[in-house]
Amino acid sequence: MSNCLNVTNAVVYAFCPRFIYFELVLGIAQREDKRGSVQTGRTFHNRYATTNKNYKLKHLNGIKQTELLLYSKKYSFSGKIDEAIETEKEIILIERKYSDYTLIGATLKTQLGLLAILAEENTGKQVKKALVVFDKTERTEMLVNITEKIKQNALKILQKINNTINTGKMPYSKHDGRCLNCCYRKICPKN
């Protein structure tokens, strides 16, 4: 892989491949920071990153790690692990989402798969699971087993991004409900 990508690029591609085309090929920024939901989510993450740094979930034993900026030399991508628990033998990822939508879908699996690869490469310890904490109206915790399939599918997304960047071709994307609130809806052709 020739371009230095990040985990966010892969998550965005998993949501809609055309975001990468518009942003990284054509250079049209999505301006996500102007969206209220994005600002609220960032505030939520910052609260956990800056307050009560020693707080650990009671059922997870180990050393709490926060704000880990990591790079994969093997796959040439970077990412930030917001929170993790390091035990003697493994790393347990903790991903917090400011959402009532509690589905472990393609975007979240892509994120967890790539973060697991980063943690494994940089610590030498396995990542077998992640705890996703959805915390908006009600708090819900979901344990996700990080399989080789999840990691391999996430790496395929990075390959697809590199292909889009290198060829300059707009990837296929289905038009559905996601398009209604999309920042690129006015310039994105309907296949």
N, C-alpha and C. Protein backbone atom coordinates (compact mmCIF):
# COMPACT_ATOMS: atom_id res chain seq x y z
N MET A 1 0.85 -1.17 0.00
CA MET A 1 0.00 0.00 0.00
C MET A 1 0.89 1.23 0.00
N SER A 2 0.62 2.15 -0.90
CA SER A 2 1.54 3.26 -1.09
C SER A 2 1.16 4.52 -0.33
N ASN A 3 -0.09 4.79 -0.08
CA ASN A 3 -0.51 6.00 0.59
C ASN A 3 -0.59 5.77 2.09
N CYS A 4 -0.23 6.79 2.88
CA CYS A 4 -0.37 6.67 4.33
C CYS A 4 -1.78 7.10 4.70
N LEU A 5 -2.59 6.13 4.96
CA LEU A 5 -3.98 6.37 5.30
C LEU A 5 -4.16 6.28 6.81
N ASN A 6 -5.37 6.58 7.26
CA ASN A 6 -5.65 6.41 8.68
C ASN A 6 -6.95 5.63 8.86
N VAL A 7 -7.21 5.25 10.08
CA VAL A 7 -8.39 4.43 10.37
C VAL A 7 -9.67 5.16 9.97
N THR A 8 -9.70 6.45 10.19
CA THR A 8 -10.89 7.23 9.83
C THR A 8 -11.18 7.14 8.33
N ASN A 9 -10.15 7.17 7.49
CA ASN A 9 -10.36 7.00 6.04
C ASN A 9 -11.08 5.70 5.75
N ALA A 10 -10.67 4.63 6.42
CA ALA A 10 -11.28 3.32 6.18
C ALA A 10 -12.72 3.27 6.68
N VAL A 11 -12.98 3.89 7.82
CA VAL A 11 -14.35 3.93 8.36
C VAL A 11 -15.26 4.69 7.40
N VAL A 12 -14.76 5.80 6.91
CA VAL A 12 -15.54 6.61 5.95
C VAL A 12 -15.81 5.80 4.68
N TYR A 13 -14.81 5.09 4.19
CA TYR A 13 -14.98 4.28 2.98
C TYR A 13 -16.01 3.17 3.22
N ALA A 14 -15.97 2.56 4.39
CA ALA A 14 -16.94 1.51 4.69
C ALA A 14 -18.36 2.07 4.72
N PHE A 15 -18.50 3.32 5.13
CA PHE A 15 -19.81 3.97 5.15
C PHE A 15 -20.26 4.28 3.72
N CYS A 16 -19.39 4.92 2.95
CA CYS A 16 -19.66 5.20 1.54
C CYS A 16 -18.33 5.42 0.82
N PRO A 17 -18.00 4.58 -0.15
CA PRO A 17 -16.71 4.67 -0.85
C PRO A 17 -16.49 6.00 -1.56
N ARG A 18 -17.57 6.68 -1.90
CA ARG A 18 -17.41 7.93 -2.64
C ARG A 18 -16.87 9.08 -1.79
N PHE A 19 -17.01 8.99 -0.49
CA PHE A 19 -16.43 10.02 0.37
C PHE A 19 -14.93 10.13 0.10
N ILE A 20 -14.28 8.99 0.00
CA ILE A 20 -12.83 8.98 -0.24
C ILE A 20 -12.51 9.58 -1.60
N TYR A 21 -13.31 9.24 -2.59
CA TYR A 21 -13.10 9.81 -3.94
C TYR A 21 -13.20 11.33 -3.89
N PHE A 22 -14.26 11.86 -3.31
CA PHE A 22 -14.44 13.31 -3.26
C PHE A 22 -13.37 13.98 -2.41
N GLU A 23 -13.02 13.36 -1.29
CA GLU A 23 -12.10 14.00 -0.37
C GLU A 23 -10.63 13.83 -0.75
N LEU A 24 -10.21 12.59 -1.04
CA LEU A 24 -8.78 12.34 -1.28
C LEU A 24 -8.37 12.40 -2.75
N VAL A 25 -9.30 12.19 -3.67
CA VAL A 25 -8.96 12.28 -5.09
C VAL A 25 -9.24 13.70 -5.61
N LEU A 26 -10.44 14.20 -5.34
CA LEU A 26 -10.81 15.53 -5.84
C LEU A 26 -10.45 16.67 -4.88
N GLY A 27 -10.15 16.34 -3.63
CA GLY A 27 -9.74 17.36 -2.66
C GLY A 27 -10.89 18.21 -2.14
N ILE A 28 -12.11 17.67 -2.13
CA ILE A 28 -13.27 18.40 -1.63
C ILE A 28 -13.55 17.93 -0.21
N ALA A 29 -13.27 18.78 0.76
CA ALA A 29 -13.44 18.41 2.17
C ALA A 29 -14.92 18.26 2.50
N GLN A 30 -15.22 17.34 3.40
CA GLN A 30 -16.61 17.13 3.78
C GLN A 30 -17.08 18.09 4.88
N ARG A 31 -16.18 18.76 5.55
CA ARG A 31 -16.51 19.73 6.60
C ARG A 31 -17.36 19.11 7.71
N GLU A 32 -16.98 17.91 8.11
CA GLU A 32 -17.74 17.20 9.14
C GLU A 32 -17.75 17.93 10.47
N ASP A 33 -16.73 18.75 10.72
CA ASP A 33 -16.65 19.46 12.00
C ASP A 33 -17.77 20.48 12.18
N LYS A 34 -18.49 20.81 11.13
CA LYS A 34 -19.61 21.75 11.21
C LYS A 34 -20.91 21.07 11.60
N ARG A 35 -20.91 19.75 11.62
CA ARG A 35 -22.13 19.00 11.97
C ARG A 35 -22.25 18.88 13.49
N GLY A 36 -23.43 19.14 13.99
CA GLY A 36 -23.68 19.09 15.43
C GLY A 36 -23.40 17.74 16.04
N SER A 37 -23.77 16.66 15.33
CA SER A 37 -23.56 15.32 15.87
C SER A 37 -22.08 15.00 15.99
N VAL A 38 -21.28 15.49 15.06
CA VAL A 38 -19.83 15.27 15.11
C VAL A 38 -19.23 16.05 16.28
N GLN A 39 -19.65 17.29 16.45
CA GLN A 39 -19.15 18.11 17.56
C GLN A 39 -19.51 17.48 18.90
N THR A 40 -20.73 16.99 19.03
CA THR A 40 -21.17 16.35 20.28
C THR A 40 -20.37 15.08 20.54
N GLY A 41 -20.13 14.29 19.51
CA GLY A 41 -19.33 13.07 19.65
C GLY A 41 -17.91 13.37 20.08
N ARG A 42 -17.33 14.42 19.54
CA ARG A 42 -15.96 14.80 19.93
C ARG A 42 -15.91 15.27 21.37
N THR A 43 -16.92 16.02 21.78
CA THR A 43 -17.01 16.46 23.18
C THR A 43 -17.11 15.25 24.10
N PHE A 44 -17.91 14.28 23.70
CA PHE A 44 -18.08 13.03 24.46
C PHE A 44 -16.73 12.32 24.60
N HIS A 45 -16.00 12.17 23.51
CA HIS A 45 -14.69 11.51 23.56
C HIS A 45 -13.71 12.30 24.42
N ASN A 46 -13.70 13.61 24.27
CA ASN A 46 -12.78 14.44 25.05
C ASN A 46 -13.06 14.34 26.54
N ARG A 47 -14.34 14.22 26.90
CA ARG A 47 -14.70 14.10 28.31
C ARG A 47 -14.06 12.84 28.91
N TYR A 48 -14.13 11.74 28.19
CA TYR A 48 -13.54 10.50 28.70
C TYR A 48 -12.02 10.53 28.65
N ALA A 49 -11.47 11.28 27.73
CA ALA A 49 -10.01 11.33 27.59
C ALA A 49 -9.37 12.23 28.65
N THR A 50 -10.10 13.25 29.10
CA THR A 50 -9.48 14.24 29.99
C THR A 50 -9.93 14.17 31.44
N THR A 51 -11.08 13.58 31.71
CA THR A 51 -11.55 13.53 33.09
C THR A 51 -11.48 12.10 33.61
N ASN A 52 -11.13 12.00 34.85
CA ASN A 52 -11.08 10.70 35.54
C ASN A 52 -10.29 9.66 34.75
N LYS A 53 -9.07 10.02 34.42
CA LYS A 53 -8.23 9.16 33.58
C LYS A 53 -7.97 7.78 34.18
N ASN A 54 -8.07 7.67 35.48
CA ASN A 54 -7.79 6.38 36.12
C ASN A 54 -9.01 5.47 36.20
N TYR A 55 -10.18 6.00 35.80
CA TYR A 55 -11.40 5.18 35.87
C TYR A 55 -11.30 4.01 34.90
N LYS A 56 -11.61 2.81 35.42
CA LYS A 56 -11.65 1.60 34.60
C LYS A 56 -12.99 0.92 34.80
N LEU A 57 -13.47 0.28 33.77
CA LEU A 57 -14.68 -0.52 33.91
C LEU A 57 -14.36 -1.65 34.89
N LYS A 58 -15.26 -1.88 35.82
CA LYS A 58 -15.01 -2.81 36.92
C LYS A 58 -14.69 -4.23 36.46
N HIS A 59 -15.30 -4.66 35.37
CA HIS A 59 -15.13 -6.05 34.95
C HIS A 59 -13.91 -6.28 34.04
N LEU A 60 -13.10 -5.23 33.84
CA LEU A 60 -11.89 -5.39 33.03
C LEU A 60 -10.66 -5.14 33.90
N ASN A 61 -9.83 -6.15 34.03
CA ASN A 61 -8.63 -6.03 34.83
C ASN A 61 -7.42 -5.81 33.94
N GLY A 62 -6.56 -4.91 34.34
CA GLY A 62 -5.35 -4.63 33.58
C GLY A 62 -4.98 -3.16 33.71
N ILE A 63 -4.05 -2.75 32.88
CA ILE A 63 -3.58 -1.36 32.90
C ILE A 63 -4.32 -0.58 31.82
N LYS A 64 -4.91 0.53 32.23
CA LYS A 64 -5.66 1.36 31.29
C LYS A 64 -4.68 2.20 30.46
N GLN A 65 -4.88 2.19 29.16
CA GLN A 65 -4.10 3.01 28.23
C GLN A 65 -5.07 3.95 27.52
N THR A 66 -4.68 5.19 27.33
CA THR A 66 -5.54 6.14 26.62
C THR A 66 -4.75 6.92 25.58
N GLU A 67 -5.49 7.38 24.56
CA GLU A 67 -4.94 8.27 23.54
C GLU A 67 -3.65 7.72 22.91
N LEU A 68 -3.71 6.48 22.44
CA LEU A 68 -2.54 5.85 21.82
C LEU A 68 -2.51 6.15 20.32
N LEU A 69 -1.56 6.94 19.90
CA LEU A 69 -1.38 7.23 18.48
C LEU A 69 -0.40 6.21 17.92
N LEU A 70 -0.86 5.39 16.98
CA LEU A 70 -0.04 4.28 16.49
C LEU A 70 0.07 4.30 14.97
N TYR A 71 1.14 3.69 14.49
CA TYR A 71 1.39 3.60 13.05
C TYR A 71 1.77 2.17 12.70
N SER A 72 1.26 1.69 11.57
CA SER A 72 1.62 0.36 11.10
C SER A 72 2.64 0.49 9.97
N LYS A 73 3.87 0.04 10.24
CA LYS A 73 4.88 0.03 9.18
C LYS A 73 4.54 -1.02 8.13
N LYS A 74 3.96 -2.11 8.58
CA LYS A 74 3.64 -3.22 7.67
C LYS A 74 2.58 -2.83 6.64
N TYR A 75 1.56 -2.09 7.08
CA TYR A 75 0.44 -1.76 6.18
C TYR A 75 0.34 -0.27 5.85
N SER A 76 1.21 0.54 6.40
CA SER A 76 1.27 1.97 6.11
C SER A 76 -0.05 2.70 6.37
N PHE A 77 -0.49 2.61 7.63
CA PHE A 77 -1.64 3.41 8.05
C PHE A 77 -1.48 3.74 9.53
N SER A 78 -2.23 4.74 9.97
CA SER A 78 -2.14 5.18 11.35
C SER A 78 -3.54 5.23 11.97
N GLY A 79 -3.56 5.38 13.28
CA GLY A 79 -4.83 5.50 13.96
C GLY A 79 -4.63 5.79 15.43
N LYS A 80 -5.73 6.14 16.07
CA LYS A 80 -5.69 6.46 17.49
C LYS A 80 -6.64 5.55 18.25
N ILE A 81 -6.09 4.88 19.23
CA ILE A 81 -6.90 4.08 20.14
C ILE A 81 -7.24 4.99 21.31
N ASP A 82 -8.52 5.27 21.47
CA ASP A 82 -8.96 6.18 22.52
C ASP A 82 -8.74 5.57 23.90
N GLU A 83 -9.03 4.28 24.01
CA GLU A 83 -8.94 3.63 25.32
C GLU A 83 -8.73 2.13 25.12
N ALA A 84 -7.91 1.55 25.99
CA ALA A 84 -7.66 0.11 25.94
C ALA A 84 -7.23 -0.36 27.32
N ILE A 85 -7.43 -1.64 27.55
CA ILE A 85 -6.94 -2.27 28.78
C ILE A 85 -5.87 -3.27 28.36
N GLU A 86 -4.69 -3.14 28.95
CA GLU A 86 -3.59 -4.04 28.65
C GLU A 86 -3.43 -5.04 29.79
N THR A 87 -3.56 -6.32 29.44
CA THR A 87 -3.32 -7.37 30.42
C THR A 87 -1.95 -7.99 30.11
N GLU A 88 -1.61 -9.00 30.84
CA GLU A 88 -0.33 -9.66 30.63
C GLU A 88 -0.23 -10.27 29.23
N LYS A 89 -1.37 -10.76 28.71
CA LYS A 89 -1.33 -11.49 27.45
C LYS A 89 -2.04 -10.81 26.27
N GLU A 90 -2.92 -9.82 26.57
CA GLU A 90 -3.69 -9.25 25.46
C GLU A 90 -4.03 -7.78 25.70
N ILE A 91 -4.55 -7.19 24.65
CA ILE A 91 -5.08 -5.83 24.67
C ILE A 91 -6.59 -5.93 24.43
N ILE A 92 -7.36 -5.25 25.25
CA ILE A 92 -8.81 -5.18 25.05
C ILE A 92 -9.13 -3.74 24.65
N LEU A 93 -9.64 -3.57 23.45
CA LEU A 93 -10.00 -2.24 22.98
C LEU A 93 -11.31 -1.80 23.62
N ILE A 94 -11.41 -0.51 23.93
CA ILE A 94 -12.66 0.07 24.40
C ILE A 94 -12.98 1.22 23.45
N GLU A 95 -14.11 1.12 22.81
CA GLU A 95 -14.54 2.15 21.87
C GLU A 95 -15.85 2.73 22.37
N ARG A 96 -15.87 4.04 22.57
CA ARG A 96 -17.07 4.72 23.06
C ARG A 96 -17.77 5.42 21.91
N LYS A 97 -19.08 5.25 21.85
CA LYS A 97 -19.89 5.87 20.80
C LYS A 97 -21.02 6.66 21.45
N TYR A 98 -21.15 7.90 21.04
CA TYR A 98 -22.25 8.74 21.52
C TYR A 98 -23.43 8.50 20.60
N SER A 99 -24.16 7.43 20.88
CA SER A 99 -25.24 7.02 19.99
C SER A 99 -26.20 6.08 20.70
N ASP A 100 -27.45 6.13 20.28
CA ASP A 100 -28.43 5.14 20.72
C ASP A 100 -28.53 4.00 19.71
N TYR A 101 -27.88 4.16 18.58
CA TYR A 101 -27.90 3.18 17.50
C TYR A 101 -26.85 2.13 17.83
N THR A 102 -27.27 0.98 18.34
CA THR A 102 -26.33 0.00 18.91
C THR A 102 -26.08 -1.19 17.99
N LEU A 103 -25.79 -0.92 16.75
CA LEU A 103 -25.49 -1.98 15.80
C LEU A 103 -23.99 -2.05 15.56
N ILE A 104 -23.46 -3.26 15.58
CA ILE A 104 -22.05 -3.46 15.23
C ILE A 104 -22.03 -3.75 13.73
N GLY A 105 -21.95 -2.72 12.93
CA GLY A 105 -22.01 -2.85 11.48
C GLY A 105 -20.64 -2.77 10.83
N ALA A 106 -20.64 -2.61 9.52
CA ALA A 106 -19.39 -2.63 8.73
C ALA A 106 -18.43 -1.52 9.13
N THR A 107 -18.95 -0.33 9.40
CA THR A 107 -18.03 0.77 9.74
C THR A 107 -17.33 0.50 11.07
N LEU A 108 -18.08 0.05 12.06
CA LEU A 108 -17.49 -0.21 13.37
C LEU A 108 -16.55 -1.42 13.33
N LYS A 109 -16.91 -2.46 12.58
CA LYS A 109 -16.01 -3.61 12.44
C LYS A 109 -14.71 -3.21 11.74
N THR A 110 -14.82 -2.33 10.75
CA THR A 110 -13.62 -1.84 10.07
C THR A 110 -12.72 -1.10 11.05
N GLN A 111 -13.32 -0.22 11.83
CA GLN A 111 -12.55 0.53 12.82
C GLN A 111 -11.88 -0.39 13.83
N LEU A 112 -12.63 -1.31 14.39
CA LEU A 112 -12.08 -2.22 15.39
C LEU A 112 -11.01 -3.14 14.80
N GLY A 113 -11.22 -3.61 13.57
CA GLY A 113 -10.24 -4.46 12.93
C GLY A 113 -8.90 -3.77 12.73
N LEU A 114 -8.95 -2.52 12.26
CA LEU A 114 -7.70 -1.79 12.03
C LEU A 114 -7.04 -1.37 13.34
N LEU A 115 -7.83 -0.99 14.33
CA LEU A 115 -7.24 -0.65 15.63
C LEU A 115 -6.59 -1.88 16.26
N ALA A 116 -7.21 -3.04 16.07
CA ALA A 116 -6.62 -4.29 16.59
C ALA A 116 -5.27 -4.56 15.91
N ILE A 117 -5.22 -4.38 14.59
CA ILE A 117 -3.96 -4.58 13.86
C ILE A 117 -2.88 -3.63 14.38
N LEU A 118 -3.24 -2.38 14.58
CA LEU A 118 -2.28 -1.40 15.11
C LEU A 118 -1.78 -1.80 16.49
N ALA A 119 -2.69 -2.20 17.37
CA ALA A 119 -2.30 -2.59 18.73
C ALA A 119 -1.41 -3.82 18.72
N GLU A 120 -1.77 -4.80 17.90
CA GLU A 120 -0.96 -6.03 17.84
C GLU A 120 0.44 -5.76 17.31
N GLU A 121 0.52 -4.98 16.25
CA GLU A 121 1.84 -4.70 15.66
C GLU A 121 2.72 -3.89 16.61
N ASN A 122 2.12 -2.96 17.35
CA ASN A 122 2.91 -2.06 18.19
C ASN A 122 3.16 -2.57 19.60
N THR A 123 2.40 -3.56 20.06
CA THR A 123 2.61 -4.07 21.42
C THR A 123 3.09 -5.51 21.44
N GLY A 124 2.88 -6.23 20.34
CA GLY A 124 3.22 -7.65 20.31
C GLY A 124 2.21 -8.52 21.05
N LYS A 125 1.12 -7.93 21.49
CA LYS A 125 0.08 -8.68 22.19
C LYS A 125 -1.15 -8.81 21.30
N GLN A 126 -1.89 -9.89 21.50
CA GLN A 126 -3.10 -10.12 20.71
C GLN A 126 -4.25 -9.24 21.14
N VAL A 127 -5.12 -8.93 20.18
CA VAL A 127 -6.38 -8.27 20.46
C VAL A 127 -7.46 -9.25 20.04
N LYS A 128 -8.13 -9.83 21.03
CA LYS A 128 -9.16 -10.82 20.75
C LYS A 128 -10.57 -10.27 20.89
N LYS A 129 -10.67 -9.13 21.60
CA LYS A 129 -12.01 -8.58 21.82
C LYS A 129 -11.94 -7.07 22.03
N ALA A 130 -13.11 -6.48 21.82
CA ALA A 130 -13.28 -5.06 22.05
C ALA A 130 -14.60 -4.86 22.76
N LEU A 131 -14.64 -3.88 23.60
CA LEU A 131 -15.87 -3.51 24.28
C LEU A 131 -16.33 -2.19 23.67
N VAL A 132 -17.54 -2.20 23.10
CA VAL A 132 -18.10 -0.98 22.53
C VAL A 132 -19.16 -0.47 23.51
N VAL A 133 -18.98 0.77 23.93
CA VAL A 133 -19.90 1.38 24.89
C VAL A 133 -20.70 2.45 24.16
N PHE A 134 -21.99 2.19 24.00
CA PHE A 134 -22.90 3.17 23.42
C PHE A 134 -23.50 3.94 24.59
N ASP A 135 -23.39 5.26 24.55
CA ASP A 135 -23.77 6.04 25.72
C ASP A 135 -24.38 7.37 25.29
N LYS A 136 -25.67 7.37 25.08
CA LYS A 136 -26.36 8.62 24.78
C LYS A 136 -27.55 8.72 25.71
N THR A 137 -28.68 8.18 25.31
CA THR A 137 -29.85 8.18 26.18
C THR A 137 -29.71 7.09 27.25
N GLU A 138 -29.33 5.90 26.81
CA GLU A 138 -29.08 4.79 27.71
C GLU A 138 -27.71 4.20 27.42
N ARG A 139 -27.09 3.67 28.43
CA ARG A 139 -25.77 3.07 28.27
C ARG A 139 -25.93 1.59 27.91
N THR A 140 -25.25 1.19 26.84
CA THR A 140 -25.25 -0.21 26.41
C THR A 140 -23.82 -0.62 26.12
N GLU A 141 -23.39 -1.75 26.66
CA GLU A 141 -22.06 -2.29 26.39
C GLU A 141 -22.21 -3.54 25.54
N MET A 142 -21.41 -3.62 24.48
CA MET A 142 -21.44 -4.79 23.61
C MET A 142 -20.00 -5.30 23.43
N LEU A 143 -19.81 -6.59 23.70
CA LEU A 143 -18.51 -7.21 23.51
C LEU A 143 -18.42 -7.75 22.09
N VAL A 144 -17.34 -7.41 21.40
CA VAL A 144 -17.14 -7.84 20.02
C VAL A 144 -15.89 -8.71 19.97
N ASN A 145 -16.02 -9.91 19.43
CA ASN A 145 -14.86 -10.76 19.21
C ASN A 145 -14.15 -10.29 17.96
N ILE A 146 -12.88 -9.99 18.10
CA ILE A 146 -12.08 -9.53 16.96
C ILE A 146 -11.49 -10.76 16.28
N THR A 147 -12.04 -11.10 15.15
CA THR A 147 -11.62 -12.29 14.41
C THR A 147 -10.63 -11.92 13.30
N GLU A 148 -9.98 -12.93 12.77
CA GLU A 148 -9.10 -12.69 11.61
C GLU A 148 -9.91 -12.16 10.43
N LYS A 149 -11.13 -12.63 10.28
CA LYS A 149 -11.98 -12.17 9.19
C LYS A 149 -12.24 -10.66 9.30
N ILE A 150 -12.52 -10.18 10.51
CA ILE A 150 -12.74 -8.74 10.71
C ILE A 150 -11.49 -7.96 10.32
N LYS A 151 -10.32 -8.45 10.74
CA LYS A 151 -9.07 -7.75 10.42
C LYS A 151 -8.77 -7.80 8.93
N GLN A 152 -8.99 -8.94 8.29
CA GLN A 152 -8.73 -9.07 6.85
C GLN A 152 -9.69 -8.20 6.03
N ASN A 153 -10.96 -8.15 6.43
CA ASN A 153 -11.91 -7.28 5.73
C ASN A 153 -11.53 -5.81 5.87
N ALA A 154 -11.03 -5.44 7.04
CA ALA A 154 -10.59 -4.05 7.25
C ALA A 154 -9.38 -3.72 6.37
N LEU A 155 -8.46 -4.67 6.24
CA LEU A 155 -7.30 -4.45 5.36
C LEU A 155 -7.72 -4.35 3.89
N LYS A 156 -8.75 -5.09 3.50
CA LYS A 156 -9.27 -4.99 2.13
C LYS A 156 -9.81 -3.59 1.85
N ILE A 157 -10.40 -2.97 2.85
CA ILE A 157 -10.89 -1.60 2.70
C ILE A 157 -9.71 -0.67 2.40
N LEU A 158 -8.60 -0.83 3.11
CA LEU A 158 -7.41 0.00 2.84
C LEU A 158 -6.94 -0.21 1.40
N GLN A 159 -6.95 -1.46 0.92
CA GLN A 159 -6.56 -1.73 -0.46
C GLN A 159 -7.50 -1.04 -1.45
N LYS A 160 -8.79 -1.07 -1.16
CA LYS A 160 -9.76 -0.42 -2.05
C LYS A 160 -9.57 1.09 -2.07
N ILE A 161 -9.24 1.67 -0.92
CA ILE A 161 -8.97 3.11 -0.87
C ILE A 161 -7.76 3.45 -1.73
N ASN A 162 -6.69 2.68 -1.56
CA ASN A 162 -5.49 2.90 -2.38
C ASN A 162 -5.81 2.76 -3.86
N ASN A 163 -6.63 1.81 -4.22
CA ASN A 163 -7.01 1.63 -5.62
C ASN A 163 -7.77 2.86 -6.13
N THR A 164 -8.69 3.36 -5.33
CA THR A 164 -9.45 4.56 -5.71
C THR A 164 -8.51 5.75 -5.91
N ILE A 165 -7.58 5.94 -4.99
CA ILE A 165 -6.64 7.05 -5.08
C ILE A 165 -5.73 6.89 -6.29
N ASN A 166 -5.20 5.69 -6.49
CA ASN A 166 -4.24 5.46 -7.57
C ASN A 166 -4.86 5.50 -8.96
N THR A 167 -6.12 5.05 -9.08
CA THR A 167 -6.77 5.06 -10.40
C THR A 167 -7.53 6.36 -10.65
N GLY A 168 -7.93 7.03 -9.58
CA GLY A 168 -8.72 8.25 -9.73
C GLY A 168 -10.14 7.98 -10.18
N LYS A 169 -10.57 6.72 -10.12
CA LYS A 169 -11.92 6.37 -10.56
C LYS A 169 -12.90 6.41 -9.39
N MET A 170 -14.09 6.95 -9.66
CA MET A 170 -15.13 7.00 -8.64
C MET A 170 -15.66 5.59 -8.41
N PRO A 171 -15.63 5.12 -7.16
CA PRO A 171 -16.14 3.77 -6.88
C PRO A 171 -17.66 3.74 -6.90
N TYR A 172 -18.19 2.55 -7.10
CA TYR A 172 -19.64 2.34 -7.06
C TYR A 172 -20.12 2.51 -5.62
N SER A 173 -21.31 3.06 -5.48
CA SER A 173 -21.96 3.14 -4.18
C SER A 173 -23.45 3.16 -4.39
N LYS A 174 -24.16 2.39 -3.59
CA LYS A 174 -25.62 2.39 -3.73
C LYS A 174 -26.18 3.68 -3.12
N HIS A 175 -27.24 4.16 -3.70
CA HIS A 175 -27.92 5.34 -3.17
C HIS A 175 -29.06 4.88 -2.27
N ASP A 176 -29.06 5.38 -1.04
CA ASP A 176 -30.09 4.99 -0.08
C ASP A 176 -30.31 6.12 0.92
N GLY A 177 -30.83 5.80 2.06
CA GLY A 177 -31.15 6.80 3.07
C GLY A 177 -29.95 7.60 3.55
N ARG A 178 -28.75 7.04 3.45
CA ARG A 178 -27.55 7.77 3.87
C ARG A 178 -27.34 9.02 3.03
N CYS A 179 -27.82 9.00 1.79
CA CYS A 179 -27.59 10.10 0.86
C CYS A 179 -28.38 11.36 1.22
N LEU A 180 -29.48 11.21 1.94
CA LEU A 180 -30.34 12.35 2.24
C LEU A 180 -29.64 13.46 3.00
N ASN A 181 -28.71 13.10 3.87
CA ASN A 181 -28.02 14.07 4.70
C ASN A 181 -26.52 14.18 4.34
N CYS A 182 -26.17 13.72 3.16
CA CYS A 182 -24.76 13.67 2.76
C CYS A 182 -24.28 15.03 2.27
N CYS A 183 -23.08 15.39 2.66
CA CYS A 183 -22.51 16.67 2.25
C CYS A 183 -22.16 16.69 0.76
N TYR A 184 -22.05 15.54 0.13
CA TYR A 184 -21.71 15.46 -1.30
C TYR A 184 -22.93 15.18 -2.19
N ARG A 185 -24.11 15.19 -1.63
CA ARG A 185 -25.32 14.76 -2.38
C ARG A 185 -25.57 15.60 -3.64
N LYS A 186 -25.15 16.86 -3.64
CA LYS A 186 -25.41 17.73 -4.79
C LYS A 186 -24.46 17.46 -5.96
N ILE A 187 -23.33 16.85 -5.68
CA ILE A 187 -22.36 16.60 -6.74
C ILE A 187 -22.15 15.13 -7.06
N CYS A 188 -22.79 14.26 -6.29
CA CYS A 188 -22.60 12.82 -6.46
C CYS A 188 -23.61 12.27 -7.46
N PRO A 189 -23.13 11.69 -8.56
CA PRO A 189 -24.07 11.14 -9.54
C PRO A 189 -24.75 9.88 -9.01
N LYS A 190 -25.95 9.68 -9.41
CA LYS A 190 -26.68 8.46 -9.03
C LYS A 190 -26.28 7.35 -9.98
N ASN A 191 -25.15 6.74 -9.71
CA ASN A 191 -24.58 5.64 -10.51
C ASN A 191 -24.95 5.79 -11.94
